[in-house]
Amino acid sequence: MASKARLTTLQGDPDAVNTSTDRPIRPRSSTLDGVDDTFTYTFPANSVTFMRIRTG
């Protein structure tokens, strides 16, 4: 297993609305170090996070 994970997070105010001219909620990329068989991660409030961990 890789020791890093790639994260894509969508986060914003629950009342926020994306429009054609304003995009308060958009994907943000980051990495998480220290990934192992067990690890902890605190997810941001009001968010959806996609975590990509390489295995094998």
PDB file of N, CA and C in Angstrom:
ATOM      1  N   MET A   1       0.842  -1.183   0.000  1.00  0.00           N
ATOM      2  CA  MET A   1       0.000   0.000   0.000  1.00  0.00           C
ATOM      3  C   MET A   1       0.883   1.240   0.000  1.00  0.00           C
ATOM      4  N   ALA A   2       0.494   2.235  -0.742  1.00  0.00           N
ATOM      5  CA  ALA A   2       1.236   3.490  -0.793  1.00  0.00           C
ATOM      6  C   ALA A   2       1.066   4.225   0.527  1.00  0.00           C
ATOM      7  N   SER A   3       2.040   5.052   0.898  1.00  0.00           N
ATOM      8  CA  SER A   3       1.942   5.803   2.146  1.00  0.00           C
ATOM      9  C   SER A   3       1.252   7.153   1.956  1.00  0.00           C
ATOM     10  N   LYS A   4       0.796   7.427   0.735  1.00  0.00           N
ATOM     11  CA  LYS A   4       0.105   8.678   0.443  1.00  0.00           C
ATOM     12  C   LYS A   4      -1.241   8.390  -0.203  1.00  0.00           C
ATOM     13  N   ALA A   5      -2.178   9.313  -0.010  1.00  0.00           N
ATOM     14  CA  ALA A   5      -3.473   9.232  -0.680  1.00  0.00           C
ATOM     15  C   ALA A   5      -3.715  10.569  -1.378  1.00  0.00           C
ATOM     16  N   ARG A   6      -4.365  10.509  -2.531  1.00  0.00           N
ATOM     17  CA  ARG A   6      -4.777  11.728  -3.231  1.00  0.00           C
ATOM     18  C   ARG A   6      -6.217  12.016  -2.841  1.00  0.00           C
ATOM     19  N   LEU A   7      -6.485  13.265  -2.463  1.00  0.00           N
ATOM     20  CA  LEU A   7      -7.816  13.661  -2.029  1.00  0.00           C
ATOM     21  C   LEU A   7      -8.396  14.703  -2.982  1.00  0.00           C
ATOM     22  N   THR A   8      -9.681  14.595  -3.234  1.00  0.00           N
ATOM     23  CA  THR A   8     -10.440  15.634  -3.933  1.00  0.00           C
ATOM     24  C   THR A   8     -11.630  15.946  -3.035  1.00  0.00           C
ATOM     25  N   THR A   9     -11.728  17.206  -2.610  1.00  0.00           N
ATOM     26  CA  THR A   9     -12.757  17.603  -1.651  1.00  0.00           C
ATOM     27  C   THR A   9     -13.645  18.679  -2.234  1.00  0.00           C
ATOM     28  N   LEU A  10     -14.948  18.497  -2.061  1.00  0.00           N
ATOM     29  CA  LEU A  10     -15.945  19.520  -2.368  1.00  0.00           C
ATOM     30  C   LEU A  10     -16.472  19.994  -1.022  1.00  0.00           C
ATOM     31  N   GLN A  11     -16.329  21.298  -0.745  1.00  0.00           N
ATOM     32  CA  GLN A  11     -16.740  21.824   0.552  1.00  0.00           C
ATOM     33  C   GLN A  11     -17.341  23.202   0.378  1.00  0.00           C
ATOM     34  N   GLY A  12     -18.364  23.488   1.166  1.00  0.00           N
ATOM     35  CA  GLY A  12     -18.947  24.814   1.112  1.00  0.00           C
ATOM     36  C   GLY A  12     -20.104  24.962   2.068  1.00  0.00           C
ATOM     37  N   ASP A  13     -20.601  26.156   2.145  1.00  0.00           N
ATOM     38  CA  ASP A  13     -21.763  26.461   2.966  1.00  0.00           C
ATOM     39  C   ASP A  13     -22.943  25.635   2.463  1.00  0.00           C
ATOM     40  N   PRO A  14     -23.730  25.042   3.353  1.00  0.00           N
ATOM     41  CA  PRO A  14     -24.860  24.219   2.906  1.00  0.00           C
ATOM     42  C   PRO A  14     -25.860  24.972   2.028  1.00  0.00           C
ATOM     43  N   ASP A  15     -25.923  26.288   2.137  1.00  0.00           N
ATOM     44  CA  ASP A  15     -26.851  27.077   1.323  1.00  0.00           C
ATOM     45  C   ASP A  15     -26.222  27.602   0.034  1.00  0.00           C
ATOM     46  N   ALA A  16     -24.935  27.324  -0.188  1.00  0.00           N
ATOM     47  CA  ALA A  16     -24.241  27.827  -1.381  1.00  0.00           C
ATOM     48  C   ALA A  16     -24.783  27.141  -2.633  1.00  0.00           C
ATOM     49  N   VAL A  17     -24.830  27.903  -3.715  1.00  0.00           N
ATOM     50  CA  VAL A  17     -25.324  27.387  -4.992  1.00  0.00           C
ATOM     51  C   VAL A  17     -24.338  27.801  -6.083  1.00  0.00           C
ATOM     52  N   ASN A  18     -23.885  26.845  -6.867  1.00  0.00           N
ATOM     53  CA  ASN A  18     -23.068  27.173  -8.028  1.00  0.00           C
ATOM     54  C   ASN A  18     -23.971  27.681  -9.147  1.00  0.00           C
ATOM     55  N   THR A  19     -23.504  28.733  -9.824  1.00  0.00           N
ATOM     56  CA  THR A  19     -24.221  29.269 -10.976  1.00  0.00           C
ATOM     57  C   THR A  19     -23.237  29.368 -12.129  1.00  0.00           C
ATOM     58  N   SER A  20     -23.693  29.866 -13.262  1.00  0.00           N
ATOM     59  CA  SER A  20     -22.797  30.002 -14.419  1.00  0.00           C
ATOM     60  C   SER A  20     -21.738  31.081 -14.192  1.00  0.00           C
ATOM     61  N   THR A  21     -21.969  32.008 -13.258  1.00  0.00           N
ATOM     62  CA  THR A  21     -21.008  33.091 -13.016  1.00  0.00           C
ATOM     63  C   THR A  21     -20.307  32.992 -11.672  1.00  0.00           C
ATOM     64  N   ASP A  22     -20.826  32.197 -10.754  1.00  0.00           N
ATOM     65  CA  ASP A  22     -20.241  32.094  -9.413  1.00  0.00           C
ATOM     66  C   ASP A  22     -20.158  30.619  -9.026  1.00  0.00           C
ATOM     67  N   ARG A  23     -18.970  30.196  -8.611  1.00  0.00           N
ATOM     68  CA  ARG A  23     -18.765  28.794  -8.231  1.00  0.00           C
ATOM     69  C   ARG A  23     -18.133  28.704  -6.849  1.00  0.00           C
ATOM     70  N   PRO A  24     -18.939  28.906  -5.801  1.00  0.00           N
ATOM     71  CA  PRO A  24     -18.371  28.843  -4.453  1.00  0.00           C
ATOM     72  C   PRO A  24     -17.951  27.430  -4.051  1.00  0.00           C
ATOM     73  N   ILE A  25     -18.527  26.431  -4.691  1.00  0.00           N
ATOM     74  CA  ILE A  25     -18.162  25.043  -4.384  1.00  0.00           C
ATOM     75  C   ILE A  25     -17.488  24.436  -5.607  1.00  0.00           C
ATOM     76  N   ARG A  26     -16.206  24.114  -5.459  1.00  0.00           N
ATOM     77  CA  ARG A  26     -15.447  23.525  -6.568  1.00  0.00           C
ATOM     78  C   ARG A  26     -14.435  22.542  -5.994  1.00  0.00           C
ATOM     79  N   PRO A  27     -13.969  21.608  -6.784  1.00  0.00           N
ATOM     80  CA  PRO A  27     -13.031  20.597  -6.283  1.00  0.00           C
ATOM     81  C   PRO A  27     -11.708  21.216  -5.848  1.00  0.00           C
ATOM     82  N   ARG A  28     -11.185  20.698  -4.752  1.00  0.00           N
ATOM     83  CA  ARG A  28      -9.862  21.093  -4.276  1.00  0.00           C
ATOM     84  C   ARG A  28      -9.046  19.814  -4.091  1.00  0.00           C
ATOM     85  N   SER A  29      -7.833  19.815  -4.638  1.00  0.00           N
ATOM     86  CA  SER A  29      -6.965  18.639  -4.569  1.00  0.00           C
ATOM     87  C   SER A  29      -5.946  18.801  -3.449  1.00  0.00           C
ATOM     88  N   SER A  30      -5.617  17.689  -2.803  1.00  0.00           N
ATOM     89  CA  SER A  30      -4.580  17.683  -1.774  1.00  0.00           C
ATOM     90  C   SER A  30      -4.054  16.258  -1.636  1.00  0.00           C
ATOM     91  N   THR A  31      -3.052  16.075  -0.785  1.00  0.00           N
ATOM     92  CA  THR A  31      -2.520  14.742  -0.505  1.00  0.00           C
ATOM     93  C   THR A  31      -2.511  14.518   0.997  1.00  0.00           C
ATOM     94  N   LEU A  32      -2.581  13.265   1.357  1.00  0.00           N
ATOM     95  CA  LEU A  32      -2.535  12.860   2.759  1.00  0.00           C
ATOM     96  C   LEU A  32      -1.366  11.909   2.920  1.00  0.00           C
ATOM     97  N   ASP A  33      -0.420  12.251   3.784  1.00  0.00           N
ATOM     98  CA  ASP A  33       0.723  11.394   4.073  1.00  0.00           C
ATOM     99  C   ASP A  33       0.419  10.506   5.269  1.00  0.00           C
ATOM    100  N   GLY A  34       1.136   9.417   5.398  1.00  0.00           N
ATOM    101  CA  GLY A  34       1.017   8.539   6.554  1.00  0.00           C
ATOM    102  C   GLY A  34      -0.094   7.512   6.448  1.00  0.00           C
ATOM    103  N   VAL A  35      -0.517   7.210   5.218  1.00  0.00           N
ATOM    104  CA  VAL A  35      -1.560   6.204   5.023  1.00  0.00           C
ATOM    105  C   VAL A  35      -0.947   4.820   5.220  1.00  0.00           C
ATOM    106  N   ASP A  36      -1.597   4.000   6.034  1.00  0.00           N
ATOM    107  CA  ASP A  36      -1.137   2.644   6.311  1.00  0.00           C
ATOM    108  C   ASP A  36      -2.374   1.762   6.448  1.00  0.00           C
ATOM    109  N   ASP A  37      -2.210   0.563   6.986  1.00  0.00           N
ATOM    110  CA  ASP A  37      -3.364  -0.317   7.173  1.00  0.00           C
ATOM    111  C   ASP A  37      -4.438   0.365   8.014  1.00  0.00           C
ATOM    112  N   THR A  38      -4.023   1.175   8.991  1.00  0.00           N
ATOM    113  CA  THR A  38      -4.949   1.999   9.766  1.00  0.00           C
ATOM    114  C   THR A  38      -4.395   3.419   9.822  1.00  0.00           C
ATOM    115  N   PHE A  39      -5.269   4.394   9.743  1.00  0.00           N
ATOM    116  CA  PHE A  39      -4.876   5.794   9.835  1.00  0.00           C
ATOM    117  C   PHE A  39      -6.124   6.604  10.166  1.00  0.00           C
ATOM    118  N   THR A  40      -5.939   7.849  10.564  1.00  0.00           N
ATOM    119  CA  THR A  40      -7.077   8.720  10.854  1.00  0.00           C
ATOM    120  C   THR A  40      -7.039   9.933   9.941  1.00  0.00           C
ATOM    121  N   TYR A  41      -8.216  10.440   9.670  1.00  0.00           N
ATOM    122  CA  TYR A  41      -8.355  11.635   8.843  1.00  0.00           C
ATOM    123  C   TYR A  41      -9.615  12.361   9.303  1.00  0.00           C
ATOM    124  N   THR A  42      -9.520  13.646   9.523  1.00  0.00           N
ATOM    125  CA  THR A  42     -10.676  14.440   9.912  1.00  0.00           C
ATOM    126  C   THR A  42     -11.230  15.109   8.665  1.00  0.00           C
ATOM    127  N   PHE A  43     -12.444  14.749   8.301  1.00  0.00           N
ATOM    128  CA  PHE A  43     -13.065  15.319   7.113  1.00  0.00           C
ATOM    129  C   PHE A  43     -13.580  16.722   7.419  1.00  0.00           C
ATOM    130  N   PRO A  44     -13.417  17.662   6.472  1.00  0.00           N
ATOM    131  CA  PRO A  44     -13.922  19.012   6.686  1.00  0.00           C
ATOM    132  C   PRO A  44     -15.454  19.009   6.826  1.00  0.00           C
ATOM    133  N   ALA A  45     -15.968  19.943   7.586  1.00  0.00           N
ATOM    134  CA  ALA A  45     -17.421  20.072   7.741  1.00  0.00           C
ATOM    135  C   ALA A  45     -18.058  20.404   6.398  1.00  0.00           C
ATOM    136  N   ASN A  46     -19.291  19.957   6.217  1.00  0.00           N
ATOM    137  CA  ASN A  46     -20.058  20.254   4.998  1.00  0.00           C
ATOM    138  C   ASN A  46     -19.273  19.903   3.739  1.00  0.00           C
ATOM    139  N   SER A  47     -18.786  18.684   3.679  1.00  0.00           N
ATOM    140  CA  SER A  47     -17.943  18.310   2.546  1.00  0.00           C
ATOM    141  C   SER A  47     -18.210  16.878   2.090  1.00  0.00           C
ATOM    142  N   VAL A  48     -17.714  16.610   0.888  1.00  0.00           N
ATOM    143  CA  VAL A  48     -17.627  15.264   0.337  1.00  0.00           C
ATOM    144  C   VAL A  48     -16.182  15.111  -0.106  1.00  0.00           C
ATOM    145  N   THR A  49     -15.538  14.028   0.312  1.00  0.00           N
ATOM    146  CA  THR A  49     -14.128  13.822  -0.023  1.00  0.00           C
ATOM    147  C   THR A  49     -13.959  12.485  -0.723  1.00  0.00           C
ATOM    148  N   PHE A  50     -13.270  12.497  -1.854  1.00  0.00           N
ATOM    149  CA  PHE A  50     -12.906  11.289  -2.585  1.00  0.00           C
ATOM    150  C   PHE A  50     -11.448  11.010  -2.250  1.00  0.00           C
ATOM    151  N   MET A  51     -11.173   9.833  -1.693  1.00  0.00           N
ATOM    152  CA  MET A  51      -9.826   9.475  -1.265  1.00  0.00           C
ATOM    153  C   MET A  51      -9.329   8.340  -2.151  1.00  0.00           C
ATOM    154  N   ARG A  52      -8.217   8.576  -2.839  1.00  0.00           N
ATOM    155  CA  ARG A  52      -7.654   7.571  -3.736  1.00  0.00           C
ATOM    156  C   ARG A  52      -6.371   7.024  -3.114  1.00  0.00           C
ATOM    157  N   ILE A  53      -6.412   5.728  -2.775  1.00  0.00           N
ATOM    158  CA  ILE A  53      -5.273   5.065  -2.155  1.00  0.00           C
ATOM    159  C   ILE A  53      -4.835   3.931  -3.070  1.00  0.00           C
ATOM    160  N   ARG A  54      -3.601   3.957  -3.457  1.00  0.00           N
ATOM    161  CA  ARG A  54      -3.064   2.895  -4.324  1.00  0.00           C
ATOM    162  C   ARG A  54      -2.830   1.647  -3.482  1.00  0.00           C
ATOM    163  N   THR A  55      -3.262   0.520  -3.996  1.00  0.00           N
ATOM    164  CA  THR A  55      -3.042  -0.754  -3.310  1.00  0.00           C
ATOM    165  C   THR A  55      -2.241  -1.681  -4.212  1.00  0.00           C
ATOM    166  N   GLY A  56      -1.705  -2.704  -3.598  1.00  0.00           N
ATOM    167  CA  GLY A  56      -1.024  -3.719  -4.372  1.00  0.00           C
ATOM    168  C   GLY A  56       0.374  -3.472  -4.689  1.00  0.00           C
TER     169      GLY A  56
END
